[in-house]
Amino acid sequence: MSEYEFRVDLVPSTLLHILYADDIEFDTLYADPKISFKLKMADIPLTIQEMFFANTIDDNGVLIRTAQDKPPYFAIGFKSEKSDGKFRYVWLYKVRAKPLEEKFATKEGDKVTRQNPEVEFTAVKRTHDGRYQAVADEGEGGFDATKAAAFLTSVYEPTFTPATGGGG
């Protein structure tokens, strides 16, 4: 496992609110979607931690964390192989990391316990357009190899063809 391979488990969370009127269910409202996921890596280099957590690396190459560090929002894109050998491509538009939990253990004789770091993230909707995720499956709906090759090079923004007006 290289230092940049990772595992992502997306866990969507939407709360359902039921409005009652005249002793019956009148309407249901869903809270804005929120996706939590964990990224488990063989190692998280200090330069990546600096980006994820808004820490600072000093002139001596030492990562410094302060109480004022506030992780920024950013987008995360990735692809995952499906059972048919093709890939699913995903962008999460507005993601923030929770503070890093680190575990350390001493070697016990000839027994080594791996301590792979895990970062937890929360993805929320963007405020300007309400979008929170883009998903594409290779080979479906016109998403061909050319589009797949370009999908993760920059944050994907959707394009829509305006509907043509029909007479009535």
Protein backbone atom coordinates (compact mmCIF):
# COMPACT_ATOMS: atom_id res chain seq x y z
CA MET A 1 0.00 0.00 0.00
CA SER A 2 1.60 3.28 -1.07
CA GLU A 3 1.32 6.34 1.11
CA TYR A 4 -1.43 7.75 -1.09
CA GLU A 5 -3.68 4.70 -1.40
CA PHE A 6 -6.73 5.03 0.75
CA ARG A 7 -10.10 3.60 1.69
CA VAL A 8 -13.23 5.74 1.68
CA ASP A 9 -16.55 4.74 3.23
CA LEU A 10 -19.23 7.31 2.38
CA VAL A 11 -21.98 7.48 4.99
CA PRO A 12 -24.81 9.85 4.00
CA SER A 13 -26.88 11.38 6.77
CA THR A 14 -30.18 13.15 6.27
CA LEU A 15 -32.57 13.78 9.10
CA LEU A 16 -36.26 13.39 8.45
CA HIS A 17 -38.56 15.88 10.15
CA ILE A 18 -42.25 15.02 10.19
CA LEU A 19 -44.78 17.83 10.53
CA TYR A 20 -48.08 16.82 12.09
CA ALA A 21 -51.35 18.69 11.65
CA ASP A 22 -54.82 17.63 12.80
CA ASP A 23 -53.28 14.55 14.45
CA ILE A 24 -51.90 13.15 11.18
CA GLU A 25 -48.65 13.30 9.27
CA PHE A 26 -49.02 16.44 7.20
CA ASP A 27 -45.62 16.88 5.57
CA THR A 28 -42.06 15.61 5.70
CA LEU A 29 -38.91 17.67 5.40
CA TYR A 30 -35.37 16.43 4.99
CA ALA A 31 -32.42 18.28 6.45
CA ASP A 32 -29.58 19.15 4.11
CA PRO A 33 -27.47 16.09 3.25
CA LYS A 34 -24.19 15.54 5.04
CA ILE A 35 -21.69 12.83 4.17
CA SER A 36 -19.12 11.58 6.63
CA PHE A 37 -16.19 9.49 5.51
CA LYS A 38 -12.86 8.27 6.74
CA LEU A 39 -9.67 8.19 4.76
CA LYS A 40 -7.19 5.59 5.94
CA MET A 41 -3.69 5.91 4.56
CA ALA A 42 -0.41 4.10 5.09
CA ASP A 43 1.06 7.47 6.05
CA ILE A 44 -0.07 11.08 5.93
CA PRO A 45 2.91 13.22 4.94
CA LEU A 46 3.34 16.48 6.82
CA THR A 47 2.69 18.52 3.66
CA ILE A 48 -0.71 16.81 3.30
CA GLN A 49 -1.47 17.41 7.00
CA GLU A 50 -0.59 21.07 6.51
CA MET A 51 -3.17 21.25 3.70
CA PHE A 52 -5.92 19.19 5.42
CA PHE A 53 -5.68 20.79 8.87
CA ALA A 54 -4.33 24.32 8.21
CA ASN A 55 -1.20 23.58 10.23
CA THR A 56 2.14 25.19 9.39
CA ILE A 57 5.53 23.69 8.59
CA ASP A 58 8.35 25.82 9.96
CA ASP A 59 11.74 26.53 8.37
CA ASN A 60 13.16 23.35 9.93
CA GLY A 61 10.51 21.09 8.38
CA VAL A 62 8.57 20.65 11.64
CA LEU A 63 4.77 20.64 11.54
CA ILE A 64 3.32 23.09 14.07
CA ARG A 65 -0.29 22.85 15.25
CA THR A 66 -1.98 25.72 17.07
CA ALA A 67 -5.33 26.19 18.78
CA GLN A 68 -6.19 28.72 16.06
CA ASP A 69 -5.80 26.24 13.17
CA LYS A 70 -9.09 25.94 11.34
CA PRO A 71 -9.21 23.29 8.60
CA PRO A 72 -10.30 24.78 5.28
CA TYR A 73 -13.06 23.54 3.02
CA PHE A 74 -11.90 21.93 -0.22
CA ALA A 75 -13.10 19.42 -2.81
CA ILE A 76 -12.02 15.78 -2.94
CA GLY A 77 -12.22 13.63 -6.06
CA PHE A 78 -11.50 9.93 -6.43
CA LYS A 79 -12.31 6.84 -8.46
CA SER A 80 -13.10 3.32 -7.36
CA GLU A 81 -13.12 0.14 -9.40
CA LYS A 82 -16.48 -1.57 -9.74
CA SER A 83 -17.14 -5.31 -10.04
CA ASP A 84 -17.32 -5.07 -13.86
CA GLY A 85 -13.76 -3.68 -14.04
CA LYS A 86 -14.92 -0.16 -14.91
CA PHE A 87 -14.66 2.79 -12.54
CA ARG A 88 -17.03 5.01 -10.58
CA TYR A 89 -15.79 8.59 -10.34
CA VAL A 90 -16.77 10.86 -7.46
CA TRP A 91 -16.31 14.51 -6.50
CA LEU A 92 -17.35 15.79 -3.08
CA TYR A 93 -17.56 19.55 -3.47
CA LYS A 94 -17.22 20.93 0.06
CA VAL A 95 -15.22 18.85 2.52
CA ARG A 96 -13.56 19.63 5.84
CA ALA A 97 -11.25 17.40 7.89
CA LYS A 98 -11.73 16.79 11.59
CA PRO A 99 -8.60 17.02 13.76
CA LEU A 100 -6.24 14.08 13.23
CA GLU A 101 -6.29 11.24 15.73
CA GLU A 102 -2.90 9.57 15.90
CA LYS A 103 -2.01 6.28 17.55
CA PHE A 104 1.48 5.18 18.45
CA ALA A 105 2.65 1.81 19.79
CA THR A 106 6.01 0.38 20.67
CA LYS A 107 7.19 -2.80 19.04
CA GLU A 108 6.60 -5.78 21.30
CA GLY A 109 9.47 -8.17 20.67
CA ASP A 110 9.04 -9.39 17.11
CA LYS A 111 5.39 -8.29 16.96
CA VAL A 112 4.60 -5.06 15.12
CA THR A 113 1.18 -3.42 15.39
CA ARG A 114 0.49 -1.19 12.40
CA GLN A 115 -0.83 2.25 13.27
CA ASN A 116 -2.21 3.54 9.99
CA PRO A 117 -3.51 7.08 10.43
CA GLU A 118 -7.16 7.76 9.69
CA VAL A 119 -8.67 11.14 8.87
CA GLU A 120 -12.38 11.77 9.23
CA PHE A 121 -14.06 14.22 6.87
CA THR A 122 -17.50 15.74 6.58
CA ALA A 123 -18.90 16.82 3.23
CA VAL A 124 -21.72 19.36 3.12
CA LYS A 125 -23.55 21.21 0.36
CA ARG A 126 -22.05 24.28 -1.25
CA THR A 127 -23.90 27.41 -0.19
CA HIS A 128 -23.99 29.07 -3.63
CA ASP A 129 -25.73 26.22 -5.50
CA GLY A 130 -26.65 23.48 -2.99
CA ARG A 131 -24.54 20.83 -4.75
CA TYR A 132 -22.56 18.42 -2.64
CA GLN A 133 -21.57 15.48 -4.89
CA ALA A 134 -20.95 14.51 -8.52
CA VAL A 135 -20.90 10.81 -9.49
CA ALA A 136 -20.16 9.24 -12.88
CA ASP A 137 -19.89 5.62 -13.98
CA GLU A 138 -17.46 4.82 -16.76
CA GLY A 139 -19.29 3.72 -19.90
CA GLU A 140 -22.73 4.95 -18.82
CA GLY A 141 -24.78 7.93 -19.99
CA GLY A 142 -22.16 9.19 -22.42
CA PHE A 143 -19.39 9.19 -19.79
CA ASP A 144 -16.69 7.67 -22.02
CA ALA A 145 -12.95 7.10 -21.57
CA THR A 146 -12.11 10.65 -22.73
CA LYS A 147 -14.41 12.19 -20.11
CA ALA A 148 -13.14 9.75 -17.47
CA ALA A 149 -9.51 10.71 -18.18
CA ALA A 150 -10.31 14.40 -17.60
CA PHE A 151 -12.77 14.00 -14.69
CA LEU A 152 -10.25 14.11 -11.83
CA THR A 153 -7.90 16.73 -13.32
CA SER A 154 -9.98 19.56 -11.82
CA VAL A 155 -13.14 19.90 -9.74
CA TYR A 156 -16.03 18.82 -11.93
CA GLU A 157 -18.70 21.42 -12.66
CA PRO A 158 -21.85 20.18 -14.41
CA THR A 159 -23.06 21.36 -17.77
CA PHE A 160 -26.71 21.30 -18.76
CA THR A 161 -28.21 21.82 -22.18
CA PRO A 162 -31.15 24.22 -21.91
CA ALA A 163 -34.48 22.68 -22.82
CA THR A 164 -35.83 23.93 -26.11
CA GLY A 165 -39.22 25.56 -25.92
CA GLY A 166 -42.08 23.64 -27.45
CA GLY A 167 -45.25 25.15 -28.73
CA GLY A 168 -48.57 24.33 -27.23
